[in-house]
Amino acid sequence: MSIIRSLESFSLPELFKLIERDSKSGRLIIETPISSKTAKRQGIYYIWFKKGQLIAVSDCINQKGLINLIAGRGWLSPLIVSRLRTLCPTSMPLGVYLHRKKLLNKERLSLVFQLQLHQVYRLFQLDGGRFRFDDFSQLSNRILTIPWLEMTGQQIKTTEVTIYALRLISNWDNFSNHLPEPSFALQRVVERSHLKLTAVEREIWELANGKTSLIDITRLMKQSLSTIQAIAFRLIAVGLVESVFYPNYDWTKPDNQKAQNIQSNYSYKQ
């Protein structure tokens, strides 16, 4: 079974949360928007998941993405690079093979994995495009196999990818309709965070008691409303808190009325 949607109708944070929540294994294909100048797409990306964890990323359909990243760093001789597809045993991640053969150390493999992840981080900033997710467990045949030649052997939770990606966003226009309302409060939905939070994220997490509105959090933390909304959205996107209606919020207060009037003028910078 495949899910085919536009990124406007179903965002990457929503999709990544679903993949981790349901421990899905599969392949995600993301097609970037068609450029109005060139009438072509900027690229197509392939992302693989195993039991809710991201295991590989590539911008090549022929499984040469990881090989190209390694070759681009000049860490291996051209001869070895050209033979990697045949040298690596079946059912072994290429990164594991290179480490066992002492061709790449753990530090370099970690760096290559981070380079793969940065391809994903940029996708969260797309203002359009579409995706297709093929769930391995629901395929009638096994034509979509694990991409051993694109794998470093490392993996990461999809919600970790989401929170890192959202921290890098400077223009929040694409998410403006998803940001929590200033008059709403935040409520923790888990007892303990499974993610490492920044100091300001941790502070907002501690204030997510279902009784403190975002406007009040803004006032307490002496931060802009746009900053608090962006961070709140990050915490919501990774399933740590939810936005809840706060019935006792008083919009008659001058500060609250002012916040309501200027909300749409913010650029939503973190």
C-alpha atoms as a PDB file:
ATOM      1  CA  MET A   1       0.000   0.000   0.000  1.00  0.00           C
ATOM      2  CA  SER A   2       1.260   3.463  -0.890  1.00  0.00           C
ATOM      3  CA  ILE A   3       0.429   6.922   0.427  1.00  0.00           C
ATOM      4  CA  ILE A   4       0.657   9.632  -2.223  1.00  0.00           C
ATOM      5  CA  ARG A   5      -0.001  13.192  -1.109  1.00  0.00           C
ATOM      6  CA  SER A   6       1.115  16.758  -1.679  1.00  0.00           C
ATOM      7  CA  LEU A   7       3.275  18.376   0.998  1.00  0.00           C
ATOM      8  CA  GLU A   8       0.718  21.172   1.261  1.00  0.00           C
ATOM      9  CA  SER A   9      -1.989  18.735   2.366  1.00  0.00           C
ATOM     10  CA  PHE A  10       0.198  16.507   4.557  1.00  0.00           C
ATOM     11  CA  SER A  11       3.387  17.986   5.986  1.00  0.00           C
ATOM     12  CA  LEU A  12       6.659  16.184   6.638  1.00  0.00           C
ATOM     13  CA  PRO A  13       6.394  16.650  10.433  1.00  0.00           C
ATOM     14  CA  GLU A  14       2.996  14.916  10.330  1.00  0.00           C
ATOM     15  CA  LEU A  15       4.311  12.098   8.161  1.00  0.00           C
ATOM     16  CA  PHE A  16       7.442  11.557  10.258  1.00  0.00           C
ATOM     17  CA  LYS A  17       5.380  11.447  13.458  1.00  0.00           C
ATOM     18  CA  LEU A  18       3.134   8.796  11.873  1.00  0.00           C
ATOM     19  CA  ILE A  19       6.108   6.701  10.735  1.00  0.00           C
ATOM     20  CA  GLU A  20       7.631   6.631  14.228  1.00  0.00           C
ATOM     21  CA  ARG A  21       4.333   6.174  16.066  1.00  0.00           C
ATOM     22  CA  ASP A  22       3.395   3.132  13.967  1.00  0.00           C
ATOM     23  CA  SER A  23       6.984   1.806  13.725  1.00  0.00           C
ATOM     24  CA  LYS A  24       6.707   1.733   9.956  1.00  0.00           C
ATOM     25  CA  SER A  25       9.285   0.316   7.573  1.00  0.00           C
ATOM     26  CA  GLY A  26       9.331   1.594   4.033  1.00  0.00           C
ATOM     27  CA  ARG A  27      10.611   3.975   1.403  1.00  0.00           C
ATOM     28  CA  LEU A  28       9.650   7.630   1.129  1.00  0.00           C
ATOM     29  CA  ILE A  29      10.079   9.444  -2.194  1.00  0.00           C
ATOM     30  CA  ILE A  30       9.930  13.241  -2.104  1.00  0.00           C
ATOM     31  CA  GLU A  31       9.644  15.228  -5.297  1.00  0.00           C
ATOM     32  CA  THR A  32      10.589  18.883  -4.946  1.00  0.00           C
ATOM     33  CA  PRO A  33       8.371  21.540  -6.580  1.00  0.00           C
ATOM     34  CA  ILE A  34       8.692  22.298 -10.278  1.00  0.00           C
ATOM     35  CA  SER A  35      10.629  25.538 -10.797  1.00  0.00           C
ATOM     36  CA  SER A  36       8.710  28.302 -12.541  1.00  0.00           C
ATOM     37  CA  LYS A  37      11.937  29.378 -14.269  1.00  0.00           C
ATOM     38  CA  THR A  38      13.241  26.048 -15.559  1.00  0.00           C
ATOM     39  CA  ALA A  39      10.002  24.000 -15.523  1.00  0.00           C
ATOM     40  CA  LYS A  40      12.027  21.239 -13.833  1.00  0.00           C
ATOM     41  CA  ARG A  41      12.214  19.773 -10.364  1.00  0.00           C
ATOM     42  CA  GLN A  42      15.219  20.599  -8.205  1.00  0.00           C
ATOM     43  CA  GLY A  43      15.533  16.963  -7.267  1.00  0.00           C
ATOM     44  CA  ILE A  44      13.977  13.733  -6.076  1.00  0.00           C
ATOM     45  CA  TYR A  45      14.977  12.253  -2.730  1.00  0.00           C
ATOM     46  CA  TYR A  46      14.683   8.719  -1.390  1.00  0.00           C
ATOM     47  CA  ILE A  47      14.463   8.087   2.345  1.00  0.00           C
ATOM     48  CA  TRP A  48      14.264   4.649   3.953  1.00  0.00           C
ATOM     49  CA  PHE A  49      12.865   3.719   7.357  1.00  0.00           C
ATOM     50  CA  LYS A  50      13.010   0.587   9.461  1.00  0.00           C
ATOM     51  CA  LYS A  51      10.636   0.170  12.396  1.00  0.00           C
ATOM     52  CA  GLY A  52      10.182   3.937  12.763  1.00  0.00           C
ATOM     53  CA  GLN A  53      13.877   4.760  12.416  1.00  0.00           C
ATOM     54  CA  LEU A  54      15.464   6.588   9.496  1.00  0.00           C
ATOM     55  CA  ILE A  55      18.240   4.410   8.096  1.00  0.00           C
ATOM     56  CA  ALA A  56      19.282   5.922   4.748  1.00  0.00           C
ATOM     57  CA  VAL A  57      18.899   8.932   2.458  1.00  0.00           C
ATOM     58  CA  SER A  58      19.826   9.396  -1.188  1.00  0.00           C
ATOM     59  CA  ASP A  59      19.257  11.745  -4.090  1.00  0.00           C
ATOM     60  CA  CYS A  60      20.055   8.953  -6.577  1.00  0.00           C
ATOM     61  CA  ILE A  61      17.716   6.268  -7.832  1.00  0.00           C
ATOM     62  CA  ASN A  62      20.645   3.924  -8.627  1.00  0.00           C
ATOM     63  CA  GLN A  63      21.868   3.685  -5.005  1.00  0.00           C
ATOM     64  CA  LYS A  64      25.034   5.687  -5.588  1.00  0.00           C
ATOM     65  CA  GLY A  65      24.206   8.476  -3.153  1.00  0.00           C
ATOM     66  CA  LEU A  66      26.376   7.256  -0.282  1.00  0.00           C
ATOM     67  CA  ILE A  67      29.197   6.276  -2.612  1.00  0.00           C
ATOM     68  CA  ASN A  68      29.121   9.765  -4.138  1.00  0.00           C
ATOM     69  CA  LEU A  69      29.243  11.408  -0.689  1.00  0.00           C
ATOM     70  CA  ILE A  70      32.288   9.346   0.282  1.00  0.00           C
ATOM     71  CA  ALA A  71      33.999   9.909  -3.066  1.00  0.00           C
ATOM     72  CA  GLY A  72      33.360  13.644  -2.817  1.00  0.00           C
ATOM     73  CA  ARG A  73      35.358  13.749   0.413  1.00  0.00           C
ATOM     74  CA  GLY A  74      38.319  12.010  -1.188  1.00  0.00           C
ATOM     75  CA  TRP A  75      38.546   9.445   1.594  1.00  0.00           C
ATOM     76  CA  LEU A  76      38.940   6.432  -0.689  1.00  0.00           C
ATOM     77  CA  SER A  77      40.940   5.846  -3.849  1.00  0.00           C
ATOM     78  CA  PRO A  78      39.061   6.133  -7.168  1.00  0.00           C
ATOM     79  CA  LEU A  79      39.686   2.420  -7.788  1.00  0.00           C
ATOM     80  CA  ILE A  80      38.007   1.355  -4.538  1.00  0.00           C
ATOM     81  CA  VAL A  81      35.140   3.795  -5.072  1.00  0.00           C
ATOM     82  CA  SER A  82      34.499   2.395  -8.548  1.00  0.00           C
ATOM     83  CA  ARG A  83      34.374  -1.171  -7.177  1.00  0.00           C
ATOM     84  CA  LEU A  84      32.307  -0.568  -4.027  1.00  0.00           C
ATOM     85  CA  ARG A  85      29.077  -1.862  -5.552  1.00  0.00           C
ATOM     86  CA  THR A  86      30.664  -5.273  -6.104  1.00  0.00           C
ATOM     87  CA  LEU A  87      32.914  -5.351  -3.035  1.00  0.00           C
ATOM     88  CA  CYS A  88      30.169  -4.917  -0.449  1.00  0.00           C
ATOM     89  CA  PRO A  89      28.526  -8.238   0.517  1.00  0.00           C
ATOM     90  CA  THR A  90      24.784  -8.684   0.099  1.00  0.00           C
ATOM     91  CA  SER A  91      22.697  -7.761   3.165  1.00  0.00           C
ATOM     92  CA  MET A  92      25.452  -5.688   4.783  1.00  0.00           C
ATOM     93  CA  PRO A  93      25.306  -1.890   5.072  1.00  0.00           C
ATOM     94  CA  LEU A  94      28.071  -0.334   2.996  1.00  0.00           C
ATOM     95  CA  GLY A  95      29.229   1.716   5.980  1.00  0.00           C
ATOM     96  CA  VAL A  96      29.594  -1.410   8.136  1.00  0.00           C
ATOM     97  CA  TYR A  97      31.632  -3.100   5.408  1.00  0.00           C
ATOM     98  CA  LEU A  98      33.951  -0.090   5.024  1.00  0.00           C
ATOM     99  CA  HIS A  99      34.470   0.097   8.785  1.00  0.00           C
ATOM    100  CA  ARG A 100      35.239  -3.622   9.101  1.00  0.00           C
ATOM    101  CA  LYS A 101      37.773  -3.330   6.303  1.00  0.00           C
ATOM    102  CA  LYS A 102      39.258  -0.296   8.107  1.00  0.00           C
ATOM    103  CA  LEU A 103      38.616   1.882   5.077  1.00  0.00           C
ATOM    104  CA  LEU A 104      36.543   4.392   7.074  1.00  0.00           C
ATOM    105  CA  ASN A 105      36.555   5.034  10.825  1.00  0.00           C
ATOM    106  CA  LYS A 106      33.474   5.662  12.959  1.00  0.00           C
ATOM    107  CA  GLU A 107      33.985   9.440  12.977  1.00  0.00           C
ATOM    108  CA  ARG A 108      33.917   9.650   9.188  1.00  0.00           C
ATOM    109  CA  LEU A 109      30.912   7.345   8.971  1.00  0.00           C
ATOM    110  CA  SER A 110      29.060   9.562  11.455  1.00  0.00           C
ATOM    111  CA  LEU A 111      29.932  12.605   9.370  1.00  0.00           C
ATOM    112  CA  VAL A 112      28.634  10.945   6.204  1.00  0.00           C
ATOM    113  CA  PHE A 113      25.393  10.043   7.998  1.00  0.00           C
ATOM    114  CA  GLN A 114      25.028  13.678   9.057  1.00  0.00           C
ATOM    115  CA  LEU A 115      25.515  14.738   5.434  1.00  0.00           C
ATOM    116  CA  GLN A 116      22.676  12.400   4.503  1.00  0.00           C
ATOM    117  CA  LEU A 117      20.489  13.896   7.231  1.00  0.00           C
ATOM    118  CA  HIS A 118      21.144  17.452   6.096  1.00  0.00           C
ATOM    119  CA  GLN A 119      19.512  16.521   2.794  1.00  0.00           C
ATOM    120  CA  VAL A 120      16.391  15.701   4.797  1.00  0.00           C
ATOM    121  CA  TYR A 121      16.560  18.853   6.920  1.00  0.00           C
ATOM    122  CA  ARG A 122      16.397  20.986   3.780  1.00  0.00           C
ATOM    123  CA  LEU A 123      13.256  19.175   2.637  1.00  0.00           C
ATOM    124  CA  PHE A 124      11.354  20.531   5.652  1.00  0.00           C
ATOM    125  CA  GLN A 125      11.723  24.001   4.145  1.00  0.00           C
ATOM    126  CA  LEU A 126      10.000  23.135   0.865  1.00  0.00           C
ATOM    127  CA  ASP A 127       6.997  25.284  -0.005  1.00  0.00           C
ATOM    128  CA  GLY A 128       5.489  22.571  -2.194  1.00  0.00           C
ATOM    129  CA  GLY A 129       6.105  19.230  -3.807  1.00  0.00           C
ATOM    130  CA  ARG A 130       4.684  15.795  -3.242  1.00  0.00           C
ATOM    131  CA  PHE A 131       5.610  12.496  -1.646  1.00  0.00           C
ATOM    132  CA  ARG A 132       4.969   8.800  -1.929  1.00  0.00           C
ATOM    133  CA  PHE A 133       5.434   6.405   0.969  1.00  0.00           C
ATOM    134  CA  ASP A 134       5.574   2.666   0.270  1.00  0.00           C
ATOM    135  CA  ASP A 135       5.043   0.544   3.376  1.00  0.00           C
ATOM    136  CA  PHE A 136       7.195  -2.586   3.136  1.00  0.00           C
ATOM    137  CA  SER A 137       4.872  -4.630   5.344  1.00  0.00           C
ATOM    138  CA  GLN A 138       1.954  -4.135   2.960  1.00  0.00           C
ATOM    139  CA  LEU A 139       3.708  -4.921  -0.325  1.00  0.00           C
ATOM    140  CA  SER A 140       2.483  -7.932  -2.257  1.00  0.00           C
ATOM    141  CA  ASN A 141       6.021  -8.481  -3.539  1.00  0.00           C
ATOM    142  CA  ARG A 142       9.483  -7.522  -2.341  1.00  0.00           C
ATOM    143  CA  ILE A 143      10.623  -5.277  -5.183  1.00  0.00           C
ATOM    144  CA  LEU A 144      11.540  -2.581  -2.698  1.00  0.00           C
ATOM    145  CA  THR A 145      14.449  -3.940  -0.708  1.00  0.00           C
ATOM    146  CA  ILE A 146      16.603  -2.525   2.050  1.00  0.00           C
ATOM    147  CA  PRO A 147      19.135  -0.126   0.423  1.00  0.00           C
ATOM    148  CA  TRP A 148      22.355  -1.680   1.705  1.00  0.00           C
ATOM    149  CA  LEU A 149      24.575   0.489  -0.519  1.00  0.00           C
ATOM    150  CA  GLU A 150      23.007   3.684   0.885  1.00  0.00           C
ATOM    151  CA  MET A 151      23.336   2.683   4.537  1.00  0.00           C
ATOM    152  CA  THR A 152      26.092   3.755   6.910  1.00  0.00           C
ATOM    153  CA  GLY A 153      24.831   1.304   9.521  1.00  0.00           C
ATOM    154  CA  GLN A 154      23.576   4.170  11.693  1.00  0.00           C
ATOM    155  CA  GLN A 155      19.968   5.119  12.324  1.00  0.00           C
ATOM    156  CA  ILE A 156      17.947   7.832  14.031  1.00  0.00           C
ATOM    157  CA  LYS A 157      14.409   8.310  15.299  1.00  0.00           C
ATOM    158  CA  THR A 158      12.256  10.235  12.865  1.00  0.00           C
ATOM    159  CA  THR A 159      11.132  12.651  15.587  1.00  0.00           C
ATOM    160  CA  GLU A 160      14.795  13.519  16.227  1.00  0.00           C
ATOM    161  CA  VAL A 161      15.137  14.372  12.546  1.00  0.00           C
ATOM    162  CA  THR A 162      11.996  16.497  12.771  1.00  0.00           C
ATOM    163  CA  ILE A 163      13.088  18.570  15.749  1.00  0.00           C
ATOM    164  CA  TYR A 164      16.577  19.146  14.289  1.00  0.00           C
ATOM    165  CA  ALA A 165      15.055  20.176  10.949  1.00  0.00           C
ATOM    166  CA  LEU A 166      12.550  22.558  12.534  1.00  0.00           C
ATOM    167  CA  ARG A 167      15.300  24.229  14.556  1.00  0.00           C
ATOM    168  CA  LEU A 168      16.950  25.235  11.281  1.00  0.00           C
ATOM    169  CA  ILE A 169      13.887  26.916   9.763  1.00  0.00           C
ATOM    170  CA  SER A 170      14.100  30.714   9.561  1.00  0.00           C
ATOM    171  CA  ASN A 171      10.967  31.435   7.527  1.00  0.00           C
ATOM    172  CA  TRP A 172       7.822  29.960   9.040  1.00  0.00           C
ATOM    173  CA  ASP A 173       5.402  31.048   6.314  1.00  0.00           C
ATOM    174  CA  ASN A 174       4.907  27.433   5.194  1.00  0.00           C
ATOM    175  CA  PHE A 175       3.767  26.468   8.704  1.00  0.00           C
ATOM    176  CA  SER A 176       1.829  29.633   9.577  1.00  0.00           C
ATOM    177  CA  ASN A 177      -1.512  27.799   9.490  1.00  0.00           C
ATOM    178  CA  HIS A 178      -0.198  25.108  11.813  1.00  0.00           C
ATOM    179  CA  LEU A 179       1.193  27.294  14.602  1.00  0.00           C
ATOM    180  CA  PRO A 180      -0.711  27.143  17.910  1.00  0.00           C
ATOM    181  CA  GLU A 181      -3.007  30.034  18.811  1.00  0.00           C
ATOM    182  CA  PRO A 182      -1.607  32.588  21.299  1.00  0.00           C
ATOM    183  CA  SER A 183      -4.645  32.166  23.562  1.00  0.00           C
ATOM    184  CA  PHE A 184      -4.193  28.393  23.782  1.00  0.00           C
ATOM    185  CA  ALA A 185      -2.150  26.582  26.399  1.00  0.00           C
ATOM    186  CA  LEU A 186       0.189  23.624  26.043  1.00  0.00           C
ATOM    187  CA  GLN A 187      -0.342  20.278  27.743  1.00  0.00           C
ATOM    188  CA  ARG A 188       2.317  17.584  28.093  1.00  0.00           C
ATOM    189  CA  VAL A 189       1.199  14.289  26.562  1.00  0.00           C
ATOM    190  CA  VAL A 190       4.117  12.213  27.865  1.00  0.00           C
ATOM    191  CA  GLU A 191       5.666  12.152  31.309  1.00  0.00           C
ATOM    192  CA  ARG A 192       9.247  12.349  30.097  1.00  0.00           C
ATOM    193  CA  SER A 193      10.811  13.676  26.916  1.00  0.00           C
ATOM    194  CA  HIS A 194      12.527  11.051  24.780  1.00  0.00           C
ATOM    195  CA  LEU A 195      14.409  13.816  22.965  1.00  0.00           C
ATOM    196  CA  LYS A 196      17.258  16.020  24.081  1.00  0.00           C
ATOM    197  CA  LEU A 197      15.797  19.524  24.334  1.00  0.00           C
ATOM    198  CA  THR A 198      17.491  22.903  24.216  1.00  0.00           C
ATOM    199  CA  ALA A 199      17.284  25.131  27.292  1.00  0.00           C
ATOM    200  CA  VAL A 200      14.412  27.211  25.916  1.00  0.00           C
ATOM    201  CA  GLU A 201      12.548  24.111  24.689  1.00  0.00           C
ATOM    202  CA  ARG A 202      12.936  22.586  28.135  1.00  0.00           C
ATOM    203  CA  GLU A 203      11.562  25.720  29.783  1.00  0.00           C
ATOM    204  CA  ILE A 204       8.472  25.706  27.570  1.00  0.00           C
ATOM    205  CA  TRP A 205       8.095  21.979  28.223  1.00  0.00           C
ATOM    206  CA  GLU A 206       8.051  22.708  31.964  1.00  0.00           C
ATOM    207  CA  LEU A 207       5.354  25.385  31.434  1.00  0.00           C
ATOM    208  CA  ALA A 208       3.140  23.000  29.438  1.00  0.00           C
ATOM    209  CA  ASN A 209       0.660  22.495  32.267  1.00  0.00           C
ATOM    210  CA  GLY A 210      -2.582  23.081  30.358  1.00  0.00           C
ATOM    211  CA  LYS A 211      -3.178  26.333  32.241  1.00  0.00           C
ATOM    212  CA  THR A 212      -0.552  28.757  30.942  1.00  0.00           C
ATOM    213  CA  SER A 213      -1.378  30.363  27.593  1.00  0.00           C
ATOM    214  CA  LEU A 214       1.279  31.025  24.987  1.00  0.00           C
ATOM    215  CA  ILE A 215       0.870  34.752  25.622  1.00  0.00           C
ATOM    216  CA  ASP A 216       1.586  34.170  29.303  1.00  0.00           C
ATOM    217  CA  ILE A 217       4.586  31.997  28.406  1.00  0.00           C
ATOM    218  CA  THR A 218       5.826  34.815  26.174  1.00  0.00           C
ATOM    219  CA  ARG A 219       5.543  37.214  29.086  1.00  0.00           C
ATOM    220  CA  LEU A 220       7.199  34.877  31.586  1.00  0.00           C
ATOM    221  CA  MET A 221      10.122  34.029  29.317  1.00  0.00           C
ATOM    222  CA  LYS A 222      10.504  37.542  27.873  1.00  0.00           C
ATOM    223  CA  GLN A 223      10.525  36.113  24.350  1.00  0.00           C
ATOM    224  CA  SER A 224       8.636  37.189  21.224  1.00  0.00           C
ATOM    225  CA  LEU A 225       5.335  35.537  20.422  1.00  0.00           C
ATOM    226  CA  SER A 226       6.738  34.240  17.133  1.00  0.00           C
ATOM    227  CA  THR A 227       9.596  32.498  18.956  1.00  0.00           C
ATOM    228  CA  ILE A 228       7.288  30.835  21.468  1.00  0.00           C
ATOM    229  CA  GLN A 229       4.867  29.706  18.750  1.00  0.00           C
ATOM    230  CA  ALA A 230       7.679  28.213  16.669  1.00  0.00           C
ATOM    231  CA  ILE A 231       9.133  26.300  19.615  1.00  0.00           C
ATOM    232  CA  ALA A 232       5.666  25.164  20.707  1.00  0.00           C
ATOM    233  CA  PHE A 233       5.070  23.860  17.199  1.00  0.00           C
ATOM    234  CA  ARG A 234       8.326  21.887  17.368  1.00  0.00           C
ATOM    235  CA  LEU A 235       7.265  20.239  20.611  1.00  0.00           C
ATOM    236  CA  ILE A 236       3.829  19.466  19.178  1.00  0.00           C
ATOM    237  CA  ALA A 237       5.327  18.088  15.952  1.00  0.00           C
ATOM    238  CA  VAL A 238       7.407  15.510  17.819  1.00  0.00           C
ATOM    239  CA  GLY A 239       4.549  14.437  20.081  1.00  0.00           C
ATOM    240  CA  LEU A 240       5.714  15.914  23.390  1.00  0.00           C
ATOM    241  CA  VAL A 241       2.880  18.388  23.958  1.00  0.00           C
ATOM    242  CA  GLU A 242      -0.483  19.317  22.490  1.00  0.00           C
ATOM    243  CA  SER A 243      -2.238  22.636  22.107  1.00  0.00           C
ATOM    244  CA  VAL A 244      -5.367  22.911  24.270  1.00  0.00           C
ATOM    245  CA  PHE A 245      -8.101  25.515  24.551  1.00  0.00           C
ATOM    246  CA  TYR A 246      -7.714  27.715  27.619  1.00  0.00           C
ATOM    247  CA  PRO A 247     -11.244  28.903  28.547  1.00  0.00           C
ATOM    248  CA  ASN A 248     -10.115  31.378  31.225  1.00  0.00           C
ATOM    249  CA  TYR A 249      -7.984  33.419  28.833  1.00  0.00           C
ATOM    250  CA  ASP A 250      -8.921  37.102  28.987  1.00  0.00           C
ATOM    251  CA  TRP A 251      -8.653  38.877  25.626  1.00  0.00           C
ATOM    252  CA  THR A 252      -9.815  42.169  27.185  1.00  0.00           C
ATOM    253  CA  LYS A 253      -6.374  42.783  28.661  1.00  0.00           C
ATOM    254  CA  PRO A 254      -4.496  45.390  26.623  1.00  0.00           C
ATOM    255  CA  ASP A 255      -1.426  43.200  26.189  1.00  0.00           C
ATOM    256  CA  ASN A 256      -3.532  40.307  24.942  1.00  0.00           C
ATOM    257  CA  GLN A 257      -5.463  42.457  22.460  1.00  0.00           C
ATOM    258  CA  LYS A 258      -2.196  43.843  21.159  1.00  0.00           C
ATOM    259  CA  ALA A 259      -0.770  40.355  20.724  1.00  0.00           C
ATOM    260  CA  GLN A 260      -3.853  39.286  18.778  1.00  0.00           C
ATOM    261  CA  ASN A 261      -3.558  42.279  16.450  1.00  0.00           C
ATOM    262  CA  ILE A 262       0.134  41.857  15.687  1.00  0.00           C
ATOM    263  CA  GLN A 263       0.194  38.067  15.465  1.00  0.00           C
ATOM    264  CA  SER A 264      -0.142  38.014  11.680  1.00  0.00           C
ATOM    265  CA  ASN A 265       2.718  40.483  11.287  1.00  0.00           C
ATOM    266  CA  TYR A 266       5.366  38.218  12.743  1.00  0.00           C
ATOM    267  CA  SER A 267       7.827  36.511  10.421  1.00  0.00           C
ATOM    268  CA  TYR A 268       7.940  33.454  12.706  1.00  0.00           C
ATOM    269  CA  LYS A 269      11.651  33.392  13.237  1.00  0.00           C
ATOM    270  CA  GLN A 270      13.040  31.059  15.831  1.00  0.00           C
END
